[in-house]
Amino acid sequence: MNRDFRLLWTGETTSAFGSSITSVALPLIAVALHADTFVVGLLTAAAWLPWLVIGLPAGAWVDRLPRRTVMLVCDAVMASAYVSIPAAQFLGLLTVAQLLVVALLVGASTVFFSTAYRSYLPALVEKPDLVPANARMQAGQSAAQVLGPGAAGVIGQFLGLVTGLVFDAVSFVVSAVCLLSIRTREPRSDTKDRLSLRTQIADGLRFVAGDRILLMFTVYGAASNLALTGYQAIEPVFLLRDIGLDPAAIGVLFMVGGIGGLLGATLAVRISRRLGTARGVLACQLGAAAAGLLIPLAGKGFGLIPYVVGTFLVVAGVVASNVIFSGWRQGYCPPELLGRMAASGSVVGYSTIALGGLLGGALGSAIGVRPTLWVMTALLALSVTILLASPIRGRRDFPSAGDAHGPQPGDELGRAVDRDDRAEVQVVEVTGADHQAGVR
């Protein structure tokens, strides 16, 4: 891969390391402030709620603006937001309300960063390299998630939980420095000045809604995200209060998911070549859904083995599927629609993450944490039936870019997309499902 891709990889892997520390530290800080299970779930929901409010216009704005600039501004905002938490604790002013505000602010920044990032990667690598590039990006993030939770546990145990957020803030600074060092300049969109914001949003929605595979995966992403976040939002409470683990042990257990993700990212390209892109995604999702049913069986001592195995396989399957589907989608979609396509799918898929956090917290308070884990993992298993009823069942590979069925951008202006250029994508090299729980 080229120099600019390596810079992007370095920045985002470092940022992923910081964010994996925060994913453990932030809910434990809330528990330390005597927040109940519902509030901990609300904290997760707050991080994803902005997708409902600004997700669609964010996609159109990102397609109008230089994506690197958008990412740089978001890095600065998120670094500042996380620094405010240790600052407030030092002054004796830290409250759960501030944690919720920071989660909302970071969530809003993540909407823009995530949309811009997915649209920016194809500007740095050639189309046939999109799956390997996505695999390397995901492998770096998974490796960071192996080390991050363990680091969060050690930091929380010996330096205080809020210290971990300082590390996360520094990681966003590193990400910004790497972005500033990238030399590749994005091509300017020739549509942003000719189309209204409403028309641009409508183009993205029509492209997703008009393509059966994209639409089905959007629905599946919404259902599976609801289930994944529903149990992940209350995992820290389960491990801390029900199982009786300390922060360091919880951090070590969360590393298991990162190891699974690293394996999934490493094997994704091989899976897509051996099974085909469509079959590979389906196999990974079926395996992840079945493994999720092991998680509620967790107990003390050796009773943690089902939790470890289940978490490892769930994350491995989801990450491998994400790599395959995301790479295919980036080559399948017209370049000028990438931001709006990503935002259109994410608004639906990520909105249920917010709902999952709320539902997990509410059910955890009402019926108990372990029964809630059973409800959510069962829902995850049932959600795979959506894929089994989708057009990918029975086919080996996803269609090529030249077979796109969705309405093309600016149809009302009489413009046509250059399909011949998009048809160069080699389907066997490009793939991934973009439904992942957790803040970047």
Protein backbone atom coordinates (compact mmCIF):
# COMPACT_ATOMS: atom_id res chain seq x y z
CA MET A 1 0.00 0.00 0.00
CA ASN A 2 1.13 3.58 -0.65
CA ARG A 3 2.53 6.14 1.79
CA ASP A 4 -0.72 8.07 2.19
CA PHE A 5 -2.66 4.93 3.01
CA ARG A 6 -0.05 4.03 5.64
CA LEU A 7 -0.49 7.46 7.22
CA LEU A 8 -4.26 7.03 7.32
CA TRP A 9 -3.79 3.54 8.80
CA THR A 10 -1.40 4.83 11.46
CA GLY A 11 -3.67 7.67 12.51
CA GLU A 12 -6.82 5.59 12.66
CA THR A 13 -5.15 2.65 14.42
CA THR A 14 -3.82 5.02 17.08
CA SER A 15 -7.24 6.62 17.41
CA ALA A 16 -8.85 3.18 17.67
CA PHE A 17 -6.49 2.35 20.52
CA GLY A 18 -7.55 5.47 22.40
CA SER A 19 -11.22 4.85 21.71
CA SER A 20 -11.00 1.25 22.91
CA ILE A 21 -9.66 2.59 26.20
CA THR A 22 -12.62 4.96 26.41
CA SER A 23 -15.13 2.21 25.57
CA VAL A 24 -14.14 0.49 28.81
CA ALA A 25 -13.42 3.54 30.94
CA LEU A 26 -16.49 5.70 30.21
CA PRO A 27 -19.21 3.28 31.43
CA LEU A 28 -17.08 2.39 34.46
CA ILE A 29 -16.75 6.10 35.28
CA ALA A 30 -20.54 6.32 35.14
CA VAL A 31 -20.84 3.32 37.49
CA ALA A 32 -18.33 4.97 39.84
CA LEU A 33 -20.60 8.04 39.85
CA HIS A 34 -23.42 5.72 41.03
CA ALA A 35 -25.26 5.61 37.71
CA ASP A 36 -27.79 2.78 37.46
CA THR A 37 -28.04 0.26 34.60
CA PHE A 38 -30.48 2.41 32.61
CA VAL A 39 -28.17 5.44 32.73
CA VAL A 40 -25.23 3.33 31.57
CA GLY A 41 -27.36 2.20 28.62
CA LEU A 42 -28.39 5.82 28.02
CA LEU A 43 -24.71 6.75 27.82
CA THR A 44 -24.27 4.32 24.93
CA ALA A 45 -27.45 5.57 23.27
CA ALA A 46 -26.30 9.20 23.50
CA ALA A 47 -23.19 8.42 21.46
CA TRP A 48 -25.29 7.17 18.54
CA LEU A 49 -28.39 9.40 18.77
CA PRO A 50 -26.87 12.11 16.49
CA TRP A 51 -27.15 9.73 13.54
CA LEU A 52 -30.93 10.13 13.73
CA VAL A 53 -30.74 13.92 13.77
CA ILE A 54 -27.89 14.86 11.44
CA GLY A 55 -26.99 11.62 9.63
CA LEU A 56 -28.65 12.38 6.28
CA PRO A 57 -27.54 16.01 5.88
CA ALA A 58 -24.06 15.01 7.07
CA GLY A 59 -23.75 12.69 4.07
CA ALA A 60 -24.63 15.49 1.66
CA TRP A 61 -22.34 17.98 3.41
CA VAL A 62 -19.45 15.52 3.33
CA ASP A 63 -19.93 15.08 -0.43
CA ARG A 64 -19.72 18.87 -0.80
CA LEU A 65 -16.68 19.45 1.46
CA PRO A 66 -13.06 18.25 1.42
CA ARG A 67 -13.26 15.04 3.41
CA ARG A 68 -9.85 15.39 5.01
CA THR A 69 -10.81 18.81 6.37
CA VAL A 70 -14.01 17.37 7.84
CA MET A 71 -12.00 14.62 9.57
CA LEU A 72 -9.48 17.11 10.97
CA VAL A 73 -12.19 19.29 12.52
CA CYS A 74 -13.83 16.22 14.06
CA ASP A 75 -10.54 15.04 15.56
CA ALA A 76 -10.10 18.45 17.22
CA VAL A 77 -13.65 18.47 18.63
CA MET A 78 -13.42 14.92 20.02
CA ALA A 79 -10.02 15.53 21.62
CA SER A 80 -11.36 18.64 23.37
CA ALA A 81 -14.51 16.87 24.55
CA TYR A 82 -12.63 13.99 26.17
CA VAL A 83 -10.09 16.29 27.86
CA SER A 84 -12.98 18.08 29.57
CA ILE A 85 -13.77 14.99 31.68
CA PRO A 86 -10.46 14.71 33.58
CA ALA A 87 -10.43 18.50 33.84
CA ALA A 88 -13.87 18.44 35.49
CA GLN A 89 -12.82 15.67 37.86
CA PHE A 90 -9.70 17.62 38.86
CA LEU A 91 -11.97 20.56 39.74
CA GLY A 92 -14.41 18.30 41.58
CA LEU A 93 -17.21 19.08 39.10
CA LEU A 94 -17.60 15.80 37.19
CA THR A 95 -21.19 14.55 36.85
CA VAL A 96 -23.07 11.91 34.88
CA ALA A 97 -24.75 14.77 33.00
CA GLN A 98 -21.37 15.87 31.66
CA LEU A 99 -20.62 12.32 30.52
CA LEU A 100 -23.88 12.35 28.56
CA VAL A 101 -23.08 15.72 26.97
CA VAL A 102 -19.62 14.53 25.96
CA ALA A 103 -21.11 11.33 24.51
CA LEU A 104 -23.54 13.41 22.42
CA LEU A 105 -20.82 15.77 21.22
CA VAL A 106 -18.45 12.96 20.32
CA GLY A 107 -21.33 11.11 18.67
CA ALA A 108 -22.13 14.12 16.46
CA SER A 109 -18.48 14.44 15.46
CA THR A 110 -18.34 10.71 14.75
CA VAL A 111 -21.26 11.07 12.30
CA PHE A 112 -19.18 13.42 10.15
CA PHE A 113 -15.87 11.63 10.68
CA SER A 114 -17.24 8.18 9.90
CA THR A 115 -19.05 9.37 6.77
CA ALA A 116 -16.01 11.27 5.52
CA TYR A 117 -13.62 8.43 6.34
CA ARG A 118 -15.54 5.83 4.34
CA SER A 119 -15.67 8.21 1.39
CA TYR A 120 -12.00 9.22 1.72
CA LEU A 121 -10.40 5.76 1.57
CA PRO A 122 -11.25 5.15 -2.14
CA ALA A 123 -9.36 8.37 -2.96
CA LEU A 124 -6.15 6.86 -1.57
CA VAL A 125 -6.18 3.34 -3.02
CA GLU A 126 -7.13 1.74 -6.34
CA LYS A 127 -10.49 -0.02 -6.62
CA PRO A 128 -9.11 -3.58 -6.75
CA ASP A 129 -7.23 -2.83 -3.50
CA LEU A 130 -10.29 -1.77 -1.52
CA VAL A 131 -10.85 -5.11 0.22
CA PRO A 132 -7.19 -5.55 1.23
CA ALA A 133 -7.14 -1.90 2.35
CA ASN A 134 -10.30 -2.35 4.42
CA ALA A 135 -8.82 -5.55 5.85
CA ARG A 136 -5.65 -3.75 6.92
CA MET A 137 -7.59 -0.86 8.42
CA GLN A 138 -9.81 -3.26 10.34
CA ALA A 139 -6.83 -5.38 11.41
CA GLY A 140 -5.16 -2.28 12.82
CA GLN A 141 -8.31 -1.32 14.70
CA SER A 142 -8.74 -4.86 15.99
CA ALA A 143 -5.13 -4.95 17.16
CA ALA A 144 -5.75 -1.67 18.96
CA GLN A 145 -8.83 -3.18 20.55
CA VAL A 146 -6.72 -6.08 21.80
CA LEU A 147 -4.42 -3.71 23.68
CA GLY A 148 -6.88 -0.92 24.51
CA PRO A 149 -9.21 -2.66 26.98
CA GLY A 150 -6.28 -4.17 28.87
CA ALA A 151 -4.65 -0.77 29.00
CA ALA A 152 -7.93 0.74 30.20
CA GLY A 153 -8.12 -1.78 33.03
CA VAL A 154 -4.53 -1.17 34.13
CA ILE A 155 -4.90 2.62 33.86
CA GLY A 156 -8.18 2.54 35.76
CA GLN A 157 -6.76 0.32 38.46
CA PHE A 158 -3.60 2.33 39.12
CA LEU A 159 -4.03 5.84 37.66
CA GLY A 160 -7.79 6.36 37.78
CA LEU A 161 -10.41 5.75 35.13
CA VAL A 162 -10.52 9.32 33.80
CA THR A 163 -6.80 9.17 32.97
CA GLY A 164 -7.68 6.84 30.11
CA LEU A 165 -9.62 9.65 28.44
CA VAL A 166 -6.43 11.74 28.29
CA PHE A 167 -4.85 8.95 26.25
CA ASP A 168 -7.86 8.98 23.93
CA ALA A 169 -7.59 12.74 23.44
CA VAL A 170 -3.92 12.39 22.52
CA SER A 171 -4.83 9.65 20.03
CA PHE A 172 -7.08 12.09 18.16
CA VAL A 173 -4.19 14.53 17.95
CA VAL A 174 -2.04 11.79 16.40
CA SER A 175 -4.82 11.08 13.92
CA ALA A 176 -4.94 14.76 12.93
CA VAL A 177 -1.16 14.93 12.44
CA CYS A 178 -1.27 11.88 10.15
CA LEU A 179 -4.12 13.36 8.12
CA LEU A 180 -2.21 16.62 7.69
CA SER A 181 0.77 14.66 6.33
CA ILE A 182 -1.24 13.01 3.52
CA ARG A 183 -0.26 14.39 0.12
CA THR A 184 -3.05 12.97 -2.07
CA ARG A 185 -5.67 15.55 -2.93
CA GLU A 186 -9.27 14.51 -3.44
CA PRO A 187 -10.97 15.21 -6.77
CA ARG A 188 -13.56 17.96 -6.55
CA SER A 189 -17.18 16.90 -6.96
CA ASP A 190 -18.77 18.34 -10.09
CA THR A 191 -22.27 18.02 -8.61
CA LYS A 192 -22.08 19.84 -5.30
CA ASP A 193 -22.73 23.29 -6.77
CA ARG A 194 -25.48 22.15 -9.15
CA LEU A 195 -27.69 20.22 -6.77
CA SER A 196 -29.57 21.41 -3.71
CA LEU A 197 -28.94 19.78 -0.34
CA ARG A 198 -32.39 18.17 -0.45
CA THR A 199 -31.74 16.74 -3.90
CA GLN A 200 -28.39 15.33 -2.81
CA ILE A 201 -29.94 13.65 0.22
CA ALA A 202 -32.71 12.22 -1.97
CA ASP A 203 -30.13 10.83 -4.42
CA GLY A 204 -28.41 8.91 -1.66
CA LEU A 205 -31.67 7.55 -0.27
CA ARG A 206 -32.89 6.48 -3.71
CA PHE A 207 -29.65 4.70 -4.48
CA VAL A 208 -29.85 2.61 -1.28
CA ALA A 209 -33.62 2.05 -1.42
CA GLY A 210 -33.51 1.16 -5.12
CA ASP A 211 -30.90 -1.56 -4.74
CA ARG A 212 -32.21 -4.80 -3.18
CA ILE A 213 -28.89 -5.88 -1.71
CA LEU A 214 -28.02 -2.50 -0.17
CA LEU A 215 -31.57 -2.16 1.16
CA MET A 216 -31.60 -5.65 2.69
CA PHE A 217 -28.24 -5.12 4.38
CA THR A 218 -29.42 -1.78 5.72
CA VAL A 219 -32.43 -3.51 7.33
CA TYR A 220 -30.23 -6.31 8.63
CA GLY A 221 -27.71 -3.82 10.02
CA ALA A 222 -30.49 -2.07 11.91
CA ALA A 223 -31.76 -5.31 13.48
CA SER A 224 -28.36 -6.71 14.36
CA ASN A 225 -27.09 -3.38 15.73
CA LEU A 226 -30.10 -3.24 18.05
CA ALA A 227 -29.18 -6.65 19.45
CA LEU A 228 -25.42 -6.13 19.56
CA THR A 229 -25.65 -2.81 21.36
CA GLY A 230 -28.40 -4.04 23.63
CA TYR A 231 -26.08 -6.54 25.27
CA GLN A 232 -22.81 -4.62 24.85
CA ALA A 233 -24.23 -1.58 26.65
CA ILE A 234 -24.72 -3.56 29.85
CA GLU A 235 -21.68 -5.85 29.62
CA PRO A 236 -19.57 -3.67 31.98
CA VAL A 237 -22.37 -3.75 34.56
CA PHE A 238 -22.75 -7.53 34.15
CA LEU A 239 -19.05 -8.23 34.57
CA LEU A 240 -18.56 -5.73 37.40
CA ARG A 241 -21.66 -6.35 39.52
CA ASP A 242 -22.94 -9.82 38.58
CA ILE A 243 -19.66 -11.64 37.99
CA GLY A 244 -17.65 -9.56 40.48
CA LEU A 245 -14.63 -8.67 38.32
CA ASP A 246 -12.39 -5.64 38.86
CA PRO A 247 -11.64 -3.08 36.08
CA ALA A 248 -8.32 -4.75 35.17
CA ALA A 249 -9.99 -8.15 34.68
CA ILE A 250 -12.81 -6.59 32.66
CA GLY A 251 -10.24 -4.91 30.43
CA VAL A 252 -8.53 -8.26 29.82
CA LEU A 253 -11.84 -9.90 28.92
CA PHE A 254 -12.67 -7.11 26.48
CA MET A 255 -9.33 -7.79 24.79
CA VAL A 256 -10.80 -11.12 23.66
CA GLY A 257 -13.12 -9.31 21.27
CA GLY A 258 -10.17 -7.42 19.80
CA ILE A 259 -8.30 -10.67 19.21
CA GLY A 260 -11.37 -12.07 17.47
CA GLY A 261 -11.62 -8.94 15.35
CA LEU A 262 -7.96 -9.19 14.40
CA LEU A 263 -8.48 -12.78 13.25
CA GLY A 264 -11.63 -11.82 11.32
CA ALA A 265 -9.86 -8.97 9.53
CA THR A 266 -6.88 -11.19 8.73
CA LEU A 267 -9.03 -13.93 7.23
CA ALA A 268 -11.59 -11.73 5.44
CA VAL A 269 -9.87 -11.59 2.04
CA ARG A 270 -9.14 -15.33 2.16
CA ILE A 271 -12.76 -16.08 3.06
CA SER A 272 -14.08 -13.94 0.19
CA ARG A 273 -11.80 -15.67 -2.30
CA ARG A 274 -12.55 -19.18 -1.04
CA LEU A 275 -16.31 -18.88 -0.53
CA GLY A 276 -17.16 -15.84 -2.63
CA THR A 277 -18.11 -12.42 -1.33
CA ALA A 278 -21.81 -13.09 -0.78
CA ARG A 279 -21.37 -16.57 0.70
CA GLY A 280 -18.50 -15.34 2.85
CA VAL A 281 -20.58 -12.58 4.42
CA LEU A 282 -23.49 -14.94 5.05
CA ALA A 283 -21.26 -17.60 6.64
CA CYS A 284 -19.58 -15.06 8.92
CA GLN A 285 -22.88 -13.60 10.10
CA LEU A 286 -24.43 -17.02 10.75
CA GLY A 287 -21.42 -18.06 12.82
CA ALA A 288 -21.43 -14.82 14.82
CA ALA A 289 -25.16 -15.06 15.57
CA ALA A 290 -24.88 -18.64 16.83
CA ALA A 291 -21.85 -17.83 18.98
CA GLY A 292 -23.68 -14.94 20.66
CA LEU A 293 -25.91 -17.42 22.48
CA LEU A 294 -22.90 -18.51 24.56
CA ILE A 295 -22.44 -15.10 26.19
CA PRO A 296 -25.35 -15.20 28.71
CA LEU A 297 -24.03 -18.54 30.03
CA ALA A 298 -21.09 -16.76 31.68
CA GLY A 299 -20.37 -17.42 35.33
CA LYS A 300 -17.51 -17.07 37.80
CA GLY A 301 -14.16 -18.82 37.41
CA PHE A 302 -14.23 -21.37 34.59
CA GLY A 303 -17.79 -20.24 33.97
CA LEU A 304 -16.28 -17.36 31.97
CA ILE A 305 -15.26 -19.75 29.18
CA PRO A 306 -18.61 -19.49 27.30
CA TYR A 307 -18.33 -15.69 27.49
CA VAL A 308 -14.77 -15.73 26.13
CA VAL A 309 -15.58 -18.13 23.27
CA GLY A 310 -18.84 -16.36 22.40
CA THR A 311 -17.32 -12.88 22.39
CA PHE A 312 -14.32 -14.02 20.34
CA LEU A 313 -16.48 -15.64 17.63
CA VAL A 314 -19.09 -12.85 17.51
CA VAL A 315 -16.50 -10.14 16.91
CA ALA A 316 -14.48 -12.28 14.48
CA GLY A 317 -17.57 -12.98 12.37
CA VAL A 318 -18.85 -9.41 12.41
CA VAL A 319 -15.46 -7.89 11.54
CA ALA A 320 -14.77 -10.33 8.69
CA SER A 321 -18.24 -9.62 7.29
CA ASN A 322 -17.71 -5.86 7.65
CA VAL A 323 -14.43 -5.98 5.74
CA ILE A 324 -15.92 -7.99 2.88
CA PHE A 325 -19.14 -5.99 2.52
CA SER A 326 -17.63 -2.52 3.04
CA GLY A 327 -14.96 -3.05 0.42
CA TRP A 328 -17.52 -4.26 -2.11
CA ARG A 329 -19.85 -1.37 -1.35
CA GLN A 330 -17.10 1.24 -1.77
CA GLY A 331 -16.41 -0.02 -5.29
CA TYR A 332 -20.06 -0.61 -6.14
CA CYS A 333 -21.27 2.91 -5.36
CA PRO A 334 -20.56 5.85 -7.72
CA PRO A 335 -17.74 7.96 -6.18
CA GLU A 336 -19.86 11.13 -6.09
CA LEU A 337 -22.49 9.29 -4.01
CA LEU A 338 -20.19 7.62 -1.48
CA GLY A 339 -20.86 10.02 1.39
CA ARG A 340 -24.62 10.08 0.90
CA MET A 341 -24.81 6.32 0.38
CA ALA A 342 -22.84 5.69 3.57
CA ALA A 343 -24.94 8.18 5.53
CA SER A 344 -28.24 6.83 4.21
CA GLY A 345 -27.43 3.30 5.35
CA SER A 346 -25.89 4.48 8.60
CA VAL A 347 -28.86 6.62 9.63
CA VAL A 348 -31.03 3.50 9.62
CA GLY A 349 -28.42 1.10 10.95
CA TYR A 350 -26.90 3.34 13.59
CA SER A 351 -30.19 4.75 14.83
CA THR A 352 -30.97 1.34 16.29
CA ILE A 353 -27.67 1.43 18.17
CA ALA A 354 -29.09 4.31 20.20
CA LEU A 355 -32.32 2.36 20.66
CA GLY A 356 -30.35 -0.76 21.62
CA GLY A 357 -28.48 1.10 24.33
CA LEU A 358 -31.73 2.44 25.76
CA LEU A 359 -33.47 -0.93 25.48
CA GLY A 360 -30.59 -2.80 27.06
CA GLY A 361 -30.43 -0.39 29.97
CA ALA A 362 -34.20 -0.35 30.48
CA LEU A 363 -34.55 -4.15 30.33
CA GLY A 364 -31.52 -4.57 32.57
CA SER A 365 -33.19 -2.44 35.21
CA ALA A 366 -36.60 -4.10 34.75
CA ILE A 367 -35.84 -7.83 34.41
CA GLY A 368 -32.17 -8.10 35.36
CA VAL A 369 -28.92 -8.04 33.44
CA ARG A 370 -28.55 -11.74 32.59
CA PRO A 371 -32.13 -12.14 31.25
CA THR A 372 -31.49 -9.05 29.11
CA LEU A 373 -28.38 -10.69 27.69
CA TRP A 374 -30.52 -13.69 26.69
CA VAL A 375 -33.11 -11.47 25.02
CA MET A 376 -30.53 -9.55 23.02
CA THR A 377 -28.42 -12.50 21.89
CA ALA A 378 -31.58 -14.35 20.83
CA LEU A 379 -32.60 -11.29 18.81
CA LEU A 380 -29.15 -11.29 17.19
CA ALA A 381 -29.64 -14.93 16.14
CA LEU A 382 -33.10 -14.20 14.74
CA SER A 383 -31.88 -11.19 12.74
CA VAL A 384 -29.87 -13.46 10.43
CA THR A 385 -33.14 -14.66 8.89
CA ILE A 386 -33.22 -11.29 7.09
CA LEU A 387 -30.06 -12.26 5.21
CA LEU A 388 -31.42 -15.74 4.51
CA ALA A 389 -34.39 -14.09 2.79
CA SER A 390 -32.22 -11.62 0.86
CA PRO A 391 -31.03 -11.78 -2.78
CA ILE A 392 -27.55 -12.96 -1.71
CA ARG A 393 -28.85 -16.39 -0.72
CA GLY A 394 -27.83 -18.88 -3.38
CA ARG A 395 -25.26 -16.65 -5.10
CA ARG A 396 -21.50 -16.85 -4.66
CA ASP A 397 -20.54 -13.20 -5.16
CA PHE A 398 -22.08 -9.78 -4.89
CA PRO A 399 -22.84 -8.05 -8.22
CA SER A 400 -20.26 -5.85 -9.91
CA ALA A 401 -20.54 -2.06 -10.04
CA GLY A 402 -21.88 -2.18 -13.59
CA ASP A 403 -24.91 -4.11 -12.32
CA ALA A 404 -26.01 -1.40 -9.87
CA HIS A 405 -29.78 -1.14 -9.84
CA GLY A 406 -30.21 1.97 -7.70
CA PRO A 407 -31.27 5.31 -9.23
CA GLN A 408 -28.25 7.33 -10.22
CA PRO A 409 -27.32 10.79 -8.92
CA GLY A 410 -28.97 13.78 -10.50
CA ASP A 411 -31.44 11.81 -12.63
CA GLU A 412 -33.73 14.83 -12.62
CA LEU A 413 -30.96 16.87 -14.24
CA GLY A 414 -30.51 14.34 -17.02
CA ARG A 415 -26.97 13.35 -15.96
CA ALA A 416 -25.72 9.78 -16.37
CA VAL A 417 -23.11 7.98 -14.30
CA ASP A 418 -20.09 6.55 -16.11
CA ARG A 419 -20.83 2.89 -15.48
CA ASP A 420 -17.96 1.68 -17.64
CA ASP A 421 -15.47 3.14 -15.17
CA ARG A 422 -17.24 1.59 -12.21
CA ALA A 423 -17.44 -1.77 -13.95
CA GLU A 424 -13.66 -2.17 -13.57
CA VAL A 425 -14.13 -3.40 -10.00
CA GLN A 426 -13.22 -7.04 -9.56
CA VAL A 427 -15.95 -8.41 -7.33
CA VAL A 428 -13.81 -11.20 -5.95
CA GLU A 429 -11.47 -8.55 -4.53
CA VAL A 430 -14.08 -6.27 -3.04
CA THR A 431 -16.46 -6.84 -0.12
CA GLY A 432 -17.87 -6.09 3.82
CA ALA A 433 -21.18 -5.34 6.27
CA ASP A 434 -20.96 -2.06 8.02
CA HIS A 435 -22.80 -2.62 11.27
CA GLN A 436 -20.57 -2.25 14.25
CA ALA A 437 -21.34 -1.23 17.76
CA GLY A 438 -19.14 1.11 19.74
CA VAL A 439 -17.75 4.61 19.36
CA ARG A 440 -14.89 5.07 16.94
